[in-house]
């Protein structure tokens, strides 16, 4: 009978978020595509205290209370509201070539866009959409846990193994796996439902087994987390500004969290994080 080798425990606390340097393969920017930019700005200003400035391109950039840039807001018509995550890569055309080999789809071929640099829009093999941007051409956000800052990103997948392979091949991710008990290890097991793109102190994003989380006809997608100093106050602000929460506040491996939908339909997660600061 073959012996079962013990797994190597890396951490009994899966993730402690805090400020970090963005490297290739990490999220670097966010863009909210919405049919009503001004209504969206009012909502996010009320919930997070963001202020906004307008670029020469016509879109707007939101800044957190610490004056760090967070995201651009772009007016769209006749399309789904979308919080689009951009990932830093050294070479967009080269990475796009890897997408095709790895069974992804290129929704927007590599091109230069004013204010965002050389970018491409990608659909992974499960249908989740994200974007690529070159490291030298975009001044991105700062990941952290200050109120209103982007704190974490994850793709909710309906095929965990396919997503793991795709993001390893395209973004160079090397995984740490998290089981139901919140234990982070280097080896994958059948009980793992969550994988991060690095160890506790340097992980910025992950892959979630969405078979547990996708509701009804919900499709695979990228999910963005924004930090708040007090999640109960933030939930009240969401309601005051016309947004809705999807379920109750729960405690996850990142901290206290709740899913939110803004008045135009944009989805994100509020997070009162367990921090390493």
C-alpha atoms as a PDB file:
ATOM      1  CA  UNK A   1       0.000   0.000   0.000  1.00  0.00           C
ATOM      2  CA  UNK A   2       1.399   3.397  -1.002  1.00  0.00           C
ATOM      3  CA  UNK A   3       2.202   5.670   1.926  1.00  0.00           C
ATOM      4  CA  UNK A   4       0.560   9.109   2.112  1.00  0.00           C
ATOM      5  CA  UNK A   5       3.156  11.806   2.603  1.00  0.00           C
ATOM      6  CA  UNK A   6       2.327  14.656   5.009  1.00  0.00           C
ATOM      7  CA  UNK A   7       1.740  18.048   3.446  1.00  0.00           C
ATOM      8  CA  UNK A   8       4.152  20.878   4.166  1.00  0.00           C
ATOM      9  CA  UNK A   9       2.343  23.506   6.223  1.00  0.00           C
ATOM     10  CA  UNK A  10       3.471  27.012   5.277  1.00  0.00           C
ATOM     11  CA  UNK A  11       1.119  29.065   7.413  1.00  0.00           C
ATOM     12  CA  UNK A  12      -1.784  28.475   9.765  1.00  0.00           C
ATOM     13  CA  UNK A  13      -3.062  31.961   8.972  1.00  0.00           C
ATOM     14  CA  UNK A  14      -3.653  31.954   5.244  1.00  0.00           C
ATOM     15  CA  UNK A  15      -3.261  35.633   4.424  1.00  0.00           C
ATOM     16  CA  UNK A  16      -2.347  38.834   6.240  1.00  0.00           C
ATOM     17  CA  UNK A  17      -2.699  41.732   3.838  1.00  0.00           C
ATOM     18  CA  UNK A  18      -0.618  44.892   3.817  1.00  0.00           C
ATOM     19  CA  UNK A  19       1.329  47.243   1.544  1.00  0.00           C
ATOM     20  CA  UNK A  20       3.391  45.478  -1.118  1.00  0.00           C
ATOM     21  CA  UNK A  21       5.434  46.164  -4.222  1.00  0.00           C
ATOM     22  CA  UNK A  22       3.712  45.233  -7.478  1.00  0.00           C
ATOM     23  CA  UNK A  23       5.693  42.840  -9.668  1.00  0.00           C
ATOM     24  CA  UNK A  24       5.044  41.116 -12.992  1.00  0.00           C
ATOM     25  CA  UNK A  25       1.976  38.909 -12.716  1.00  0.00           C
ATOM     26  CA  UNK A  26       0.370  41.091 -10.028  1.00  0.00           C
ATOM     27  CA  UNK A  27      -2.751  43.239 -10.398  1.00  0.00           C
ATOM     28  CA  UNK A  28      -1.676  46.792 -11.253  1.00  0.00           C
ATOM     29  CA  UNK A  29      -4.835  48.738 -12.121  1.00  0.00           C
ATOM     30  CA  UNK A  30      -8.632  48.717 -12.100  1.00  0.00           C
ATOM     31  CA  UNK A  31     -11.163  50.125 -14.542  1.00  0.00           C
ATOM     32  CA  UNK A  32     -14.884  50.455 -13.876  1.00  0.00           C
ATOM     33  CA  UNK A  33     -16.888  50.326 -17.094  1.00  0.00           C
ATOM     34  CA  UNK A  34     -20.303  51.791 -16.286  1.00  0.00           C
ATOM     35  CA  UNK A  35     -23.236  53.389 -18.144  1.00  0.00           C
ATOM     36  CA  UNK A  36     -23.377  56.358 -15.741  1.00  0.00           C
ATOM     37  CA  UNK A  37     -19.945  57.579 -14.702  1.00  0.00           C
ATOM     38  CA  UNK A  38     -21.198  60.489 -12.617  1.00  0.00           C
ATOM     39  CA  UNK A  39     -23.677  58.348 -10.642  1.00  0.00           C
ATOM     40  CA  UNK A  40     -20.914  55.789 -10.076  1.00  0.00           C
ATOM     41  CA  UNK A  41     -18.516  58.467  -8.850  1.00  0.00           C
ATOM     42  CA  UNK A  42     -21.132  59.707  -6.388  1.00  0.00           C
ATOM     43  CA  UNK A  43     -21.621  56.189  -5.049  1.00  0.00           C
ATOM     44  CA  UNK A  44     -17.921  55.358  -4.577  1.00  0.00           C
ATOM     45  CA  UNK A  45     -17.181  58.787  -3.158  1.00  0.00           C
ATOM     46  CA  UNK A  46     -19.862  58.230  -0.512  1.00  0.00           C
ATOM     47  CA  UNK A  47     -18.757  54.695   0.370  1.00  0.00           C
ATOM     48  CA  UNK A  48     -14.963  55.119   0.242  1.00  0.00           C
ATOM     49  CA  UNK A  49     -14.385  58.875   0.337  1.00  0.00           C
ATOM     50  CA  UNK A  50     -12.718  58.779  -3.091  1.00  0.00           C
ATOM     51  CA  UNK A  51     -12.138  62.050  -4.932  1.00  0.00           C
ATOM     52  CA  UNK A  52     -11.984  62.162  -8.723  1.00  0.00           C
ATOM     53  CA  UNK A  53      -9.945  63.902 -11.383  1.00  0.00           C
ATOM     54  CA  UNK A  54     -10.511  63.872 -15.144  1.00  0.00           C
ATOM     55  CA  UNK A  55      -7.839  62.789 -17.620  1.00  0.00           C
ATOM     56  CA  UNK A  56      -7.260  64.265 -21.066  1.00  0.00           C
ATOM     57  CA  UNK A  57      -8.796  61.056 -22.459  1.00  0.00           C
ATOM     58  CA  UNK A  58     -12.138  61.985 -20.890  1.00  0.00           C
ATOM     59  CA  UNK A  59     -12.275  59.224 -18.299  1.00  0.00           C
ATOM     60  CA  UNK A  60     -11.985  59.837 -14.575  1.00  0.00           C
ATOM     61  CA  UNK A  61      -9.543  58.535 -11.967  1.00  0.00           C
ATOM     62  CA  UNK A  62     -10.537  57.871  -8.387  1.00  0.00           C
ATOM     63  CA  UNK A  63      -8.152  58.590  -5.518  1.00  0.00           C
ATOM     64  CA  UNK A  64      -8.370  57.161  -2.009  1.00  0.00           C
ATOM     65  CA  UNK A  65      -8.245  59.387   1.077  1.00  0.00           C
ATOM     66  CA  UNK A  66      -4.445  58.999   1.169  1.00  0.00           C
ATOM     67  CA  UNK A  67      -4.307  60.498  -2.365  1.00  0.00           C
ATOM     68  CA  UNK A  68      -3.222  57.178  -3.900  1.00  0.00           C
ATOM     69  CA  UNK A  69      -4.846  56.390  -7.278  1.00  0.00           C
ATOM     70  CA  UNK A  70      -7.305  53.504  -7.248  1.00  0.00           C
ATOM     71  CA  UNK A  71      -9.121  53.104 -10.564  1.00  0.00           C
ATOM     72  CA  UNK A  72     -10.293  54.732 -13.761  1.00  0.00           C
ATOM     73  CA  UNK A  73     -13.997  55.150 -14.540  1.00  0.00           C
ATOM     74  CA  UNK A  74     -15.080  54.809 -18.165  1.00  0.00           C
ATOM     75  CA  UNK A  75     -18.483  55.510 -19.715  1.00  0.00           C
ATOM     76  CA  UNK A  76     -19.893  52.564 -21.666  1.00  0.00           C
ATOM     77  CA  UNK A  77     -23.206  51.944 -23.395  1.00  0.00           C
ATOM     78  CA  UNK A  78     -25.043  48.675 -23.990  1.00  0.00           C
ATOM     79  CA  UNK A  79     -22.558  46.505 -22.108  1.00  0.00           C
ATOM     80  CA  UNK A  80     -22.359  44.804 -18.737  1.00  0.00           C
ATOM     81  CA  UNK A  81     -20.990  46.852 -15.867  1.00  0.00           C
ATOM     82  CA  UNK A  82     -17.526  45.528 -15.218  1.00  0.00           C
ATOM     83  CA  UNK A  83     -14.761  46.053 -12.648  1.00  0.00           C
ATOM     84  CA  UNK A  84     -11.864  45.084 -14.927  1.00  0.00           C
ATOM     85  CA  UNK A  85      -8.551  44.051 -13.368  1.00  0.00           C
ATOM     86  CA  UNK A  86      -5.281  44.839 -15.194  1.00  0.00           C
ATOM     87  CA  UNK A  87      -2.208  42.676 -14.621  1.00  0.00           C
ATOM     88  CA  UNK A  88       1.353  43.855 -15.008  1.00  0.00           C
ATOM     89  CA  UNK A  89       3.432  41.952 -17.554  1.00  0.00           C
ATOM     90  CA  UNK A  90       6.847  42.721 -19.091  1.00  0.00           C
ATOM     91  CA  UNK A  91       5.637  42.359 -22.698  1.00  0.00           C
ATOM     92  CA  UNK A  92       1.955  42.471 -23.710  1.00  0.00           C
ATOM     93  CA  UNK A  93       2.306  40.899 -27.203  1.00  0.00           C
ATOM     94  CA  UNK A  94       4.448  38.066 -25.821  1.00  0.00           C
ATOM     95  CA  UNK A  95       1.993  37.387 -22.993  1.00  0.00           C
ATOM     96  CA  UNK A  96      -0.927  37.530 -25.407  1.00  0.00           C
ATOM     97  CA  UNK A  97       0.739  34.822 -27.496  1.00  0.00           C
ATOM     98  CA  UNK A  98       0.861  32.642 -24.364  1.00  0.00           C
ATOM     99  CA  UNK A  99      -2.879  33.242 -23.874  1.00  0.00           C
ATOM    100  CA  UNK A 100      -3.704  31.661 -27.220  1.00  0.00           C
ATOM    101  CA  UNK A 101      -1.514  28.635 -26.508  1.00  0.00           C
ATOM    102  CA  UNK A 102      -3.179  28.227 -23.083  1.00  0.00           C
ATOM    103  CA  UNK A 103      -6.751  28.082 -24.449  1.00  0.00           C
ATOM    104  CA  UNK A 104      -7.668  31.662 -23.620  1.00  0.00           C
ATOM    105  CA  UNK A 105      -9.280  34.162 -26.002  1.00  0.00           C
ATOM    106  CA  UNK A 106      -7.965  37.566 -27.041  1.00  0.00           C
ATOM    107  CA  UNK A 107     -10.921  39.971 -26.843  1.00  0.00           C
ATOM    108  CA  UNK A 108      -8.845  43.038 -27.646  1.00  0.00           C
ATOM    109  CA  UNK A 109      -5.531  42.642 -29.436  1.00  0.00           C
ATOM    110  CA  UNK A 110      -2.456  44.432 -28.067  1.00  0.00           C
ATOM    111  CA  UNK A 111      -2.705  48.165 -28.711  1.00  0.00           C
ATOM    112  CA  UNK A 112      -1.564  51.420 -27.183  1.00  0.00           C
ATOM    113  CA  UNK A 113      -4.230  53.337 -25.257  1.00  0.00           C
ATOM    114  CA  UNK A 114      -3.596  56.823 -23.942  1.00  0.00           C
ATOM    115  CA  UNK A 115      -3.358  56.806 -20.163  1.00  0.00           C
ATOM    116  CA  UNK A 116      -3.061  53.011 -19.939  1.00  0.00           C
ATOM    117  CA  UNK A 117      -0.157  52.223 -22.261  1.00  0.00           C
ATOM    118  CA  UNK A 118       0.235  48.981 -24.209  1.00  0.00           C
ATOM    119  CA  UNK A 119      -2.634  46.684 -23.221  1.00  0.00           C
ATOM    120  CA  UNK A 120      -4.805  43.757 -24.254  1.00  0.00           C
ATOM    121  CA  UNK A 121      -8.112  42.344 -22.991  1.00  0.00           C
ATOM    122  CA  UNK A 122      -8.253  38.596 -22.350  1.00  0.00           C
ATOM    123  CA  UNK A 123     -10.869  35.952 -21.592  1.00  0.00           C
ATOM    124  CA  UNK A 124      -9.534  32.941 -19.716  1.00  0.00           C
ATOM    125  CA  UNK A 125     -10.693  29.395 -20.646  1.00  0.00           C
ATOM    126  CA  UNK A 126     -13.584  29.550 -18.140  1.00  0.00           C
ATOM    127  CA  UNK A 127     -14.891  32.912 -19.391  1.00  0.00           C
ATOM    128  CA  UNK A 128     -13.442  35.332 -16.798  1.00  0.00           C
ATOM    129  CA  UNK A 129     -12.241  38.604 -18.399  1.00  0.00           C
ATOM    130  CA  UNK A 130      -9.174  40.634 -17.403  1.00  0.00           C
ATOM    131  CA  UNK A 131      -6.587  42.917 -19.025  1.00  0.00           C
ATOM    132  CA  UNK A 132      -2.809  43.056 -19.480  1.00  0.00           C
ATOM    133  CA  UNK A 133      -0.606  46.142 -19.207  1.00  0.00           C
ATOM    134  CA  UNK A 134       3.153  46.574 -19.552  1.00  0.00           C
ATOM    135  CA  UNK A 135       5.160  47.390 -16.454  1.00  0.00           C
ATOM    136  CA  UNK A 136       6.914  50.415 -17.926  1.00  0.00           C
ATOM    137  CA  UNK A 137       3.790  52.103 -19.241  1.00  0.00           C
ATOM    138  CA  UNK A 138       1.249  52.366 -16.443  1.00  0.00           C
ATOM    139  CA  UNK A 139       1.477  54.056 -13.065  1.00  0.00           C
ATOM    140  CA  UNK A 140      -0.781  51.763 -11.108  1.00  0.00           C
ATOM    141  CA  UNK A 141      -2.424  51.621  -7.715  1.00  0.00           C
ATOM    142  CA  UNK A 142      -0.862  50.672  -4.397  1.00  0.00           C
ATOM    143  CA  UNK A 143      -2.223  47.519  -2.799  1.00  0.00           C
ATOM    144  CA  UNK A 144      -2.925  47.941   0.902  1.00  0.00           C
ATOM    145  CA  UNK A 145      -5.508  48.040   3.651  1.00  0.00           C
ATOM    146  CA  UNK A 146      -6.084  51.772   3.992  1.00  0.00           C
ATOM    147  CA  UNK A 147      -9.745  52.771   3.715  1.00  0.00           C
ATOM    148  CA  UNK A 148     -10.796  52.609   0.067  1.00  0.00           C
ATOM    149  CA  UNK A 149      -7.605  50.967  -1.209  1.00  0.00           C
ATOM    150  CA  UNK A 150      -7.648  47.883  -3.447  1.00  0.00           C
ATOM    151  CA  UNK A 151      -6.645  45.000  -1.191  1.00  0.00           C
ATOM    152  CA  UNK A 152      -7.141  41.678  -2.943  1.00  0.00           C
ATOM    153  CA  UNK A 153      -8.249  40.045  -6.232  1.00  0.00           C
ATOM    154  CA  UNK A 154      -9.418  36.553  -7.122  1.00  0.00           C
ATOM    155  CA  UNK A 155     -10.895  34.737 -10.069  1.00  0.00           C
ATOM    156  CA  UNK A 156     -13.979  32.692  -9.243  1.00  0.00           C
ATOM    157  CA  UNK A 157     -13.675  29.674 -11.526  1.00  0.00           C
ATOM    158  CA  UNK A 158     -16.003  26.859 -12.533  1.00  0.00           C
ATOM    159  CA  UNK A 159     -12.983  24.678 -13.356  1.00  0.00           C
ATOM    160  CA  UNK A 160     -10.311  25.052 -10.691  1.00  0.00           C
ATOM    161  CA  UNK A 161      -7.601  22.992 -12.395  1.00  0.00           C
ATOM    162  CA  UNK A 162      -7.959  24.689 -15.773  1.00  0.00           C
ATOM    163  CA  UNK A 163      -7.694  28.112 -14.141  1.00  0.00           C
ATOM    164  CA  UNK A 164      -4.650  27.072 -12.124  1.00  0.00           C
ATOM    165  CA  UNK A 165      -2.870  25.939 -15.284  1.00  0.00           C
ATOM    166  CA  UNK A 166      -3.872  29.006 -17.297  1.00  0.00           C
ATOM    167  CA  UNK A 167      -2.654  31.636 -14.825  1.00  0.00           C
ATOM    168  CA  UNK A 168       0.537  29.696 -14.176  1.00  0.00           C
ATOM    169  CA  UNK A 169       1.301  29.602 -17.898  1.00  0.00           C
ATOM    170  CA  UNK A 170       0.208  33.171 -18.725  1.00  0.00           C
ATOM    171  CA  UNK A 171       1.112  35.200 -15.621  1.00  0.00           C
ATOM    172  CA  UNK A 172       3.794  32.940 -14.161  1.00  0.00           C
ATOM    173  CA  UNK A 173       1.930  32.224 -10.945  1.00  0.00           C
ATOM    174  CA  UNK A 174       3.394  29.665  -8.540  1.00  0.00           C
ATOM    175  CA  UNK A 175       0.746  28.595  -6.069  1.00  0.00           C
ATOM    176  CA  UNK A 176       0.229  28.210  -2.373  1.00  0.00           C
ATOM    177  CA  UNK A 177      -2.930  26.227  -1.597  1.00  0.00           C
ATOM    178  CA  UNK A 178      -5.474  26.824   1.166  1.00  0.00           C
ATOM    179  CA  UNK A 179      -7.730  24.131   2.605  1.00  0.00           C
ATOM    180  CA  UNK A 180     -11.013  24.287   4.533  1.00  0.00           C
ATOM    181  CA  UNK A 181      -9.151  24.819   7.810  1.00  0.00           C
ATOM    182  CA  UNK A 182      -7.347  27.892   6.458  1.00  0.00           C
ATOM    183  CA  UNK A 183      -3.994  26.126   6.292  1.00  0.00           C
ATOM    184  CA  UNK A 184      -1.644  27.279   3.509  1.00  0.00           C
ATOM    185  CA  UNK A 185       0.572  24.620   1.959  1.00  0.00           C
ATOM    186  CA  UNK A 186       2.773  24.126  -1.094  1.00  0.00           C
ATOM    187  CA  UNK A 187       1.181  20.843  -2.176  1.00  0.00           C
ATOM    188  CA  UNK A 188      -2.320  20.587  -3.607  1.00  0.00           C
ATOM    189  CA  UNK A 189      -4.902  18.164  -2.200  1.00  0.00           C
ATOM    190  CA  UNK A 190      -8.495  17.293  -3.062  1.00  0.00           C
ATOM    191  CA  UNK A 191      -9.708  19.469  -0.170  1.00  0.00           C
ATOM    192  CA  UNK A 192      -8.145  22.684  -1.479  1.00  0.00           C
ATOM    193  CA  UNK A 193     -10.625  25.262  -2.741  1.00  0.00           C
ATOM    194  CA  UNK A 194      -8.382  28.315  -2.954  1.00  0.00           C
ATOM    195  CA  UNK A 195      -4.892  29.031  -4.302  1.00  0.00           C
ATOM    196  CA  UNK A 196      -2.833  32.206  -4.007  1.00  0.00           C
ATOM    197  CA  UNK A 197      -0.129  33.525  -6.333  1.00  0.00           C
ATOM    198  CA  UNK A 198       2.468  33.544  -3.586  1.00  0.00           C
ATOM    199  CA  UNK A 199       3.119  33.081   0.132  1.00  0.00           C
ATOM    200  CA  UNK A 200       1.400  35.002   2.908  1.00  0.00           C
ATOM    201  CA  UNK A 201       3.418  38.215   2.723  1.00  0.00           C
ATOM    202  CA  UNK A 202       3.574  38.617  -1.065  1.00  0.00           C
ATOM    203  CA  UNK A 203       0.320  37.182  -2.448  1.00  0.00           C
ATOM    204  CA  UNK A 204      -1.823  39.685  -4.355  1.00  0.00           C
ATOM    205  CA  UNK A 205      -4.417  37.487  -6.061  1.00  0.00           C
ATOM    206  CA  UNK A 206      -5.776  33.979  -6.213  1.00  0.00           C
ATOM    207  CA  UNK A 207      -8.001  31.348  -7.786  1.00  0.00           C
ATOM    208  CA  UNK A 208     -11.213  30.224  -6.050  1.00  0.00           C
ATOM    209  CA  UNK A 209     -13.049  26.989  -6.765  1.00  0.00           C
ATOM    210  CA  UNK A 210     -16.318  28.614  -7.778  1.00  0.00           C
ATOM    211  CA  UNK A 211     -18.324  25.395  -7.684  1.00  0.00           C
ATOM    212  CA  UNK A 212     -18.931  26.362  -4.053  1.00  0.00           C
ATOM    213  CA  UNK A 213     -19.635  30.029  -4.751  1.00  0.00           C
ATOM    214  CA  UNK A 214     -21.175  30.647  -8.181  1.00  0.00           C
ATOM    215  CA  UNK A 215     -24.885  31.238  -7.635  1.00  0.00           C
ATOM    216  CA  UNK A 216     -27.595  30.109 -10.092  1.00  0.00           C
ATOM    217  CA  UNK A 217     -26.425  31.119 -13.591  1.00  0.00           C
ATOM    218  CA  UNK A 218     -23.521  33.274 -12.360  1.00  0.00           C
ATOM    219  CA  UNK A 219     -20.508  33.000 -14.655  1.00  0.00           C
ATOM    220  CA  UNK A 220     -16.787  32.847 -13.753  1.00  0.00           C
ATOM    221  CA  UNK A 221     -15.402  36.321 -13.119  1.00  0.00           C
ATOM    222  CA  UNK A 222     -12.680  38.363 -11.466  1.00  0.00           C
ATOM    223  CA  UNK A 223     -13.613  39.700  -8.023  1.00  0.00           C
ATOM    224  CA  UNK A 224     -12.087  42.855  -6.506  1.00  0.00           C
ATOM    225  CA  UNK A 225     -11.812  43.547  -2.774  1.00  0.00           C
ATOM    226  CA  UNK A 226     -11.635  47.089  -1.351  1.00  0.00           C
ATOM    227  CA  UNK A 227     -10.410  47.679   2.188  1.00  0.00           C
ATOM    228  CA  UNK A 228     -12.523  49.524   4.740  1.00  0.00           C
ATOM    229  CA  UNK A 229     -11.665  50.588   8.269  1.00  0.00           C
ATOM    230  CA  UNK A 230     -15.093  49.589   9.650  1.00  0.00           C
ATOM    231  CA  UNK A 231     -17.190  47.202   7.592  1.00  0.00           C
ATOM    232  CA  UNK A 232     -20.437  47.895   9.454  1.00  0.00           C
ATOM    233  CA  UNK A 233     -20.151  51.615   8.703  1.00  0.00           C
ATOM    234  CA  UNK A 234     -19.258  50.815   5.095  1.00  0.00           C
ATOM    235  CA  UNK A 235     -22.333  48.577   4.698  1.00  0.00           C
ATOM    236  CA  UNK A 236     -24.511  51.421   5.990  1.00  0.00           C
ATOM    237  CA  UNK A 237     -22.869  53.791   3.485  1.00  0.00           C
ATOM    238  CA  UNK A 238     -23.562  51.344   0.633  1.00  0.00           C
ATOM    239  CA  UNK A 239     -27.268  51.318   1.523  1.00  0.00           C
ATOM    240  CA  UNK A 240     -27.400  55.120   1.875  1.00  0.00           C
ATOM    241  CA  UNK A 241     -25.857  55.510  -1.590  1.00  0.00           C
ATOM    242  CA  UNK A 242     -28.298  53.120  -3.280  1.00  0.00           C
ATOM    243  CA  UNK A 243     -26.161  49.968  -3.424  1.00  0.00           C
ATOM    244  CA  UNK A 244     -27.048  46.521  -2.107  1.00  0.00           C
ATOM    245  CA  UNK A 245     -25.216  43.847  -0.145  1.00  0.00           C
ATOM    246  CA  UNK A 246     -25.380  40.226  -1.238  1.00  0.00           C
ATOM    247  CA  UNK A 247     -25.829  38.309   2.004  1.00  0.00           C
ATOM    248  CA  UNK A 248     -24.483  39.059   5.457  1.00  0.00           C
ATOM    249  CA  UNK A 249     -21.038  40.090   6.661  1.00  0.00           C
ATOM    250  CA  UNK A 250     -18.977  36.942   7.212  1.00  0.00           C
ATOM    251  CA  UNK A 251     -15.455  36.170   8.366  1.00  0.00           C
ATOM    252  CA  UNK A 252     -13.214  34.649   5.715  1.00  0.00           C
ATOM    253  CA  UNK A 253      -9.501  33.976   5.561  1.00  0.00           C
ATOM    254  CA  UNK A 254      -8.873  37.628   4.652  1.00  0.00           C
ATOM    255  CA  UNK A 255     -10.994  39.151   7.416  1.00  0.00           C
ATOM    256  CA  UNK A 256     -14.596  40.335   7.689  1.00  0.00           C
ATOM    257  CA  UNK A 257     -16.165  40.715   4.275  1.00  0.00           C
ATOM    258  CA  UNK A 258     -19.394  41.123   2.314  1.00  0.00           C
ATOM    259  CA  UNK A 259     -20.231  41.212  -1.393  1.00  0.00           C
ATOM    260  CA  UNK A 260     -21.755  44.433  -2.756  1.00  0.00           C
ATOM    261  CA  UNK A 261     -23.475  45.566  -5.951  1.00  0.00           C
ATOM    262  CA  UNK A 262     -23.368  49.255  -6.855  1.00  0.00           C
ATOM    263  CA  UNK A 263     -26.494  51.015  -8.253  1.00  0.00           C
ATOM    264  CA  UNK A 264     -25.381  50.380 -11.865  1.00  0.00           C
ATOM    265  CA  UNK A 265     -24.633  46.688 -11.265  1.00  0.00           C
ATOM    266  CA  UNK A 266     -20.881  46.698 -10.572  1.00  0.00           C
ATOM    267  CA  UNK A 267     -19.902  43.956  -8.125  1.00  0.00           C
ATOM    268  CA  UNK A 268     -17.098  44.071  -5.568  1.00  0.00           C
ATOM    269  CA  UNK A 269     -16.289  43.019  -2.002  1.00  0.00           C
ATOM    270  CA  UNK A 270     -15.895  45.150   1.128  1.00  0.00           C
ATOM    271  CA  UNK A 271     -13.085  43.859   3.346  1.00  0.00           C
ATOM    272  CA  UNK A 272     -12.133  44.737   6.898  1.00  0.00           C
ATOM    273  CA  UNK A 273      -8.828  42.955   6.678  1.00  0.00           C
ATOM    274  CA  UNK A 274      -6.645  41.098   9.136  1.00  0.00           C
ATOM    275  CA  UNK A 275      -3.453  43.045   8.469  1.00  0.00           C
ATOM    276  CA  UNK A 276       0.291  42.656   8.749  1.00  0.00           C
ATOM    277  CA  UNK A 277       0.807  46.419   9.109  1.00  0.00           C
END
